[in-house]
Amino acid sequence: MALSKEQMSAYWRRNLKYIVFLLAIWFTVSYLFGIIFVDQLDQIKMGGYPLGFWFACQGSEMIFVVLIAIYVKLMNRLDQEFGVAEV
């Protein structure tokens, strides 16, 4: 099914909203929690390790993988909504 220009524009706008929102989460977790607020987060222990250290070493990577899975789910739903889903 071919999309009209308005539908393509709406599809792309929604896709960009997803990307911006998910990248904002990743930026917060990796840059802010792993670098900027590391001293404050190090006051909290997680599994015996400072929370800031955990975010810098493992947390941002784990969150990134989860965000990829969320993006795939959102895009599959969006594709179905616009009738362009792969079968």
N, C-alpha and C. Protein backbone atom coordinates (compact mmCIF):
# COMPACT_ATOMS: atom_id res chain seq x y z
N MET A 1 0.84 -1.17 0.00
CA MET A 1 0.00 0.00 0.00
C MET A 1 0.89 1.24 0.00
N ALA A 2 0.64 2.12 -0.91
CA ALA A 2 1.41 3.37 -0.99
C ALA A 2 0.80 4.41 -0.05
N LEU A 3 1.66 5.10 0.65
CA LEU A 3 1.21 6.13 1.58
C LEU A 3 1.15 7.47 0.86
N SER A 4 0.19 8.28 1.27
CA SER A 4 0.14 9.65 0.74
C SER A 4 1.24 10.47 1.40
N LYS A 5 1.50 11.66 0.87
CA LYS A 5 2.54 12.52 1.45
C LYS A 5 2.21 12.88 2.90
N GLU A 6 0.93 13.10 3.18
CA GLU A 6 0.53 13.44 4.55
C GLU A 6 0.78 12.25 5.49
N GLN A 7 0.47 11.05 5.02
CA GLN A 7 0.70 9.87 5.84
C GLN A 7 2.20 9.63 6.05
N MET A 8 2.99 9.81 5.00
CA MET A 8 4.44 9.66 5.14
C MET A 8 5.01 10.67 6.12
N SER A 9 4.49 11.89 6.06
CA SER A 9 4.95 12.93 6.97
C SER A 9 4.57 12.60 8.40
N ALA A 10 3.36 12.13 8.61
CA ALA A 10 2.90 11.75 9.95
C ALA A 10 3.71 10.57 10.49
N TYR A 11 3.98 9.61 9.62
CA TYR A 11 4.78 8.44 10.00
C TYR A 11 6.18 8.88 10.43
N TRP A 12 6.81 9.74 9.63
CA TRP A 12 8.16 10.19 9.93
C TRP A 12 8.20 11.04 11.19
N ARG A 13 7.20 11.90 11.41
CA ARG A 13 7.15 12.71 12.63
C ARG A 13 7.07 11.82 13.86
N ARG A 14 6.22 10.80 13.81
CA ARG A 14 6.09 9.90 14.96
C ARG A 14 7.39 9.13 15.18
N ASN A 15 8.04 8.71 14.10
CA ASN A 15 9.31 8.02 14.21
C ASN A 15 10.35 8.92 14.87
N LEU A 16 10.43 10.17 14.47
CA LEU A 16 11.37 11.11 15.07
C LEU A 16 11.06 11.35 16.55
N LYS A 17 9.79 11.40 16.91
CA LYS A 17 9.43 11.54 18.33
C LYS A 17 9.95 10.37 19.14
N TYR A 18 9.77 9.17 18.61
CA TYR A 18 10.29 7.98 19.30
C TYR A 18 11.80 8.07 19.46
N ILE A 19 12.49 8.43 18.39
CA ILE A 19 13.95 8.49 18.43
C ILE A 19 14.43 9.53 19.44
N VAL A 20 13.85 10.72 19.39
CA VAL A 20 14.27 11.79 20.31
C VAL A 20 14.00 11.39 21.76
N PHE A 21 12.84 10.83 22.03
CA PHE A 21 12.49 10.43 23.40
C PHE A 21 13.45 9.35 23.91
N LEU A 22 13.70 8.33 23.11
CA LEU A 22 14.56 7.24 23.54
C LEU A 22 16.02 7.68 23.66
N LEU A 23 16.48 8.54 22.77
CA LEU A 23 17.84 9.06 22.89
C LEU A 23 17.99 9.97 24.11
N ALA A 24 16.93 10.69 24.47
CA ALA A 24 16.98 11.52 25.68
C ALA A 24 17.14 10.64 26.92
N ILE A 25 16.45 9.51 26.94
CA ILE A 25 16.61 8.57 28.06
C ILE A 25 18.03 8.05 28.09
N TRP A 26 18.55 7.65 26.93
CA TRP A 26 19.91 7.12 26.89
C TRP A 26 20.93 8.18 27.30
N PHE A 27 20.76 9.40 26.85
CA PHE A 27 21.65 10.49 27.23
C PHE A 27 21.64 10.69 28.75
N THR A 28 20.45 10.67 29.32
CA THR A 28 20.31 10.85 30.76
C THR A 28 21.05 9.74 31.51
N VAL A 29 20.83 8.51 31.09
CA VAL A 29 21.44 7.38 31.79
C VAL A 29 22.95 7.33 31.57
N SER A 30 23.39 7.52 30.34
CA SER A 30 24.82 7.34 30.07
C SER A 30 25.66 8.57 30.43
N TYR A 31 25.23 9.73 30.00
CA TYR A 31 26.05 10.93 30.21
C TYR A 31 25.80 11.56 31.59
N LEU A 32 24.54 11.83 31.88
CA LEU A 32 24.25 12.50 33.16
C LEU A 32 24.52 11.59 34.35
N PHE A 33 23.96 10.36 34.33
CA PHE A 33 24.15 9.46 35.47
C PHE A 33 25.56 8.89 35.52
N GLY A 34 26.17 8.63 34.37
CA GLY A 34 27.48 7.99 34.33
C GLY A 34 28.64 8.95 34.47
N ILE A 35 28.42 10.25 34.22
CA ILE A 35 29.54 11.20 34.26
C ILE A 35 29.24 12.40 35.16
N ILE A 36 28.16 13.11 34.90
CA ILE A 36 27.88 14.36 35.60
C ILE A 36 27.47 14.13 37.06
N PHE A 37 26.52 13.24 37.30
CA PHE A 37 26.00 13.02 38.65
C PHE A 37 26.62 11.81 39.33
N VAL A 38 27.80 11.38 38.85
CA VAL A 38 28.40 10.17 39.38
C VAL A 38 28.74 10.31 40.87
N ASP A 39 29.19 11.46 41.30
CA ASP A 39 29.56 11.62 42.71
C ASP A 39 28.35 11.49 43.63
N GLN A 40 27.22 12.07 43.22
CA GLN A 40 26.00 11.95 44.02
C GLN A 40 25.48 10.51 44.01
N LEU A 41 25.54 9.87 42.85
CA LEU A 41 25.04 8.50 42.76
C LEU A 41 25.95 7.50 43.47
N ASP A 42 27.22 7.83 43.61
CA ASP A 42 28.15 6.93 44.30
C ASP A 42 27.82 6.79 45.79
N GLN A 43 26.99 7.67 46.32
CA GLN A 43 26.56 7.56 47.72
C GLN A 43 25.61 6.38 47.92
N ILE A 44 25.03 5.90 46.83
CA ILE A 44 24.09 4.77 46.87
C ILE A 44 24.83 3.53 46.39
N LYS A 45 24.69 2.43 47.11
CA LYS A 45 25.35 1.18 46.74
C LYS A 45 24.34 0.25 46.07
N MET A 46 24.81 -0.44 45.02
CA MET A 46 23.98 -1.42 44.33
C MET A 46 24.82 -2.68 44.16
N GLY A 47 24.45 -3.73 44.85
CA GLY A 47 25.25 -4.95 44.79
C GLY A 47 26.65 -4.78 45.33
N GLY A 48 26.81 -3.86 46.27
CA GLY A 48 28.12 -3.61 46.85
C GLY A 48 28.96 -2.60 46.10
N TYR A 49 28.48 -2.14 44.96
CA TYR A 49 29.22 -1.17 44.14
C TYR A 49 28.49 0.17 44.13
N PRO A 50 29.23 1.26 44.02
CA PRO A 50 28.58 2.57 43.93
C PRO A 50 27.69 2.64 42.67
N LEU A 51 26.53 3.25 42.82
CA LEU A 51 25.56 3.32 41.73
C LEU A 51 26.11 4.08 40.53
N GLY A 52 26.87 5.14 40.75
CA GLY A 52 27.48 5.88 39.64
C GLY A 52 28.44 5.02 38.84
N PHE A 53 29.21 4.21 39.54
CA PHE A 53 30.13 3.27 38.87
C PHE A 53 29.33 2.26 38.05
N TRP A 54 28.23 1.77 38.61
CA TRP A 54 27.40 0.79 37.90
C TRP A 54 26.85 1.40 36.62
N PHE A 55 26.33 2.63 36.69
CA PHE A 55 25.81 3.28 35.49
C PHE A 55 26.90 3.46 34.44
N ALA A 56 28.09 3.87 34.87
CA ALA A 56 29.18 4.12 33.93
C ALA A 56 29.67 2.83 33.28
N CYS A 57 29.68 1.74 34.03
CA CYS A 57 30.25 0.49 33.51
C CYS A 57 29.24 -0.41 32.84
N GLN A 58 28.05 -0.54 33.40
CA GLN A 58 27.10 -1.50 32.88
C GLN A 58 25.72 -0.92 32.59
N GLY A 59 25.31 0.01 33.38
CA GLY A 59 23.94 0.50 33.30
C GLY A 59 23.58 1.11 31.96
N SER A 60 24.45 1.94 31.42
CA SER A 60 24.11 2.60 30.16
C SER A 60 24.03 1.59 29.02
N GLU A 61 24.88 0.57 29.01
CA GLU A 61 24.82 -0.45 27.97
C GLU A 61 23.56 -1.28 28.08
N MET A 62 23.20 -1.64 29.30
CA MET A 62 21.99 -2.44 29.51
C MET A 62 20.74 -1.64 29.12
N ILE A 63 20.71 -0.38 29.51
CA ILE A 63 19.58 0.48 29.16
C ILE A 63 19.51 0.64 27.65
N PHE A 64 20.65 0.78 26.97
CA PHE A 64 20.67 0.93 25.53
C PHE A 64 20.05 -0.28 24.84
N VAL A 65 20.37 -1.47 25.30
CA VAL A 65 19.79 -2.69 24.72
C VAL A 65 18.28 -2.72 24.94
N VAL A 66 17.84 -2.34 26.13
CA VAL A 66 16.40 -2.28 26.42
C VAL A 66 15.72 -1.24 25.52
N LEU A 67 16.36 -0.10 25.33
CA LEU A 67 15.79 0.95 24.47
C LEU A 67 15.69 0.49 23.02
N ILE A 68 16.64 -0.32 22.56
CA ILE A 68 16.54 -0.87 21.21
C ILE A 68 15.32 -1.76 21.10
N ALA A 69 15.10 -2.61 22.08
CA ALA A 69 13.92 -3.50 22.07
C ALA A 69 12.63 -2.68 22.10
N ILE A 70 12.60 -1.63 22.88
CA ILE A 70 11.42 -0.76 22.94
C ILE A 70 11.19 -0.09 21.60
N TYR A 71 12.26 0.38 20.96
CA TYR A 71 12.14 1.03 19.65
C TYR A 71 11.59 0.05 18.61
N VAL A 72 12.07 -1.16 18.63
CA VAL A 72 11.58 -2.17 17.68
C VAL A 72 10.08 -2.40 17.90
N LYS A 73 9.68 -2.52 19.14
CA LYS A 73 8.26 -2.74 19.44
C LYS A 73 7.41 -1.54 18.99
N LEU A 74 7.88 -0.34 19.29
CA LEU A 74 7.14 0.87 18.88
C LEU A 74 7.04 0.97 17.36
N MET A 75 8.13 0.68 16.67
CA MET A 75 8.12 0.79 15.21
C MET A 75 7.26 -0.30 14.57
N ASN A 76 7.26 -1.50 15.14
CA ASN A 76 6.37 -2.54 14.61
C ASN A 76 4.92 -2.11 14.75
N ARG A 77 4.58 -1.52 15.89
CA ARG A 77 3.21 -1.04 16.10
C ARG A 77 2.89 0.10 15.13
N LEU A 78 3.84 1.01 14.93
CA LEU A 78 3.64 2.11 14.01
C LEU A 78 3.47 1.62 12.56
N ASP A 79 4.28 0.65 12.18
CA ASP A 79 4.17 0.06 10.84
C ASP A 79 2.79 -0.56 10.63
N GLN A 80 2.29 -1.25 11.63
CA GLN A 80 0.96 -1.85 11.53
C GLN A 80 -0.12 -0.76 11.43
N GLU A 81 0.04 0.28 12.21
CA GLU A 81 -0.94 1.37 12.19
C GLU A 81 -1.03 2.02 10.82
N PHE A 82 0.12 2.16 10.15
CA PHE A 82 0.13 2.82 8.84
C PHE A 82 0.03 1.83 7.68
N GLY A 83 -0.11 0.55 8.01
CA GLY A 83 -0.29 -0.45 6.96
C GLY A 83 0.96 -0.75 6.15
N VAL A 84 2.14 -0.57 6.74
CA VAL A 84 3.37 -0.85 6.03
C VAL A 84 4.20 -1.93 6.74
N ALA A 85 3.55 -2.71 7.58
CA ALA A 85 4.25 -3.76 8.34
C ALA A 85 4.73 -4.86 7.40
N GLU A 86 5.89 -5.40 7.72
CA GLU A 86 6.41 -6.54 6.98
C GLU A 86 5.67 -7.79 7.44
N VAL A 87 5.40 -8.65 6.50
CA VAL A 87 4.65 -9.86 6.83
C VAL A 87 5.60 -10.98 7.10
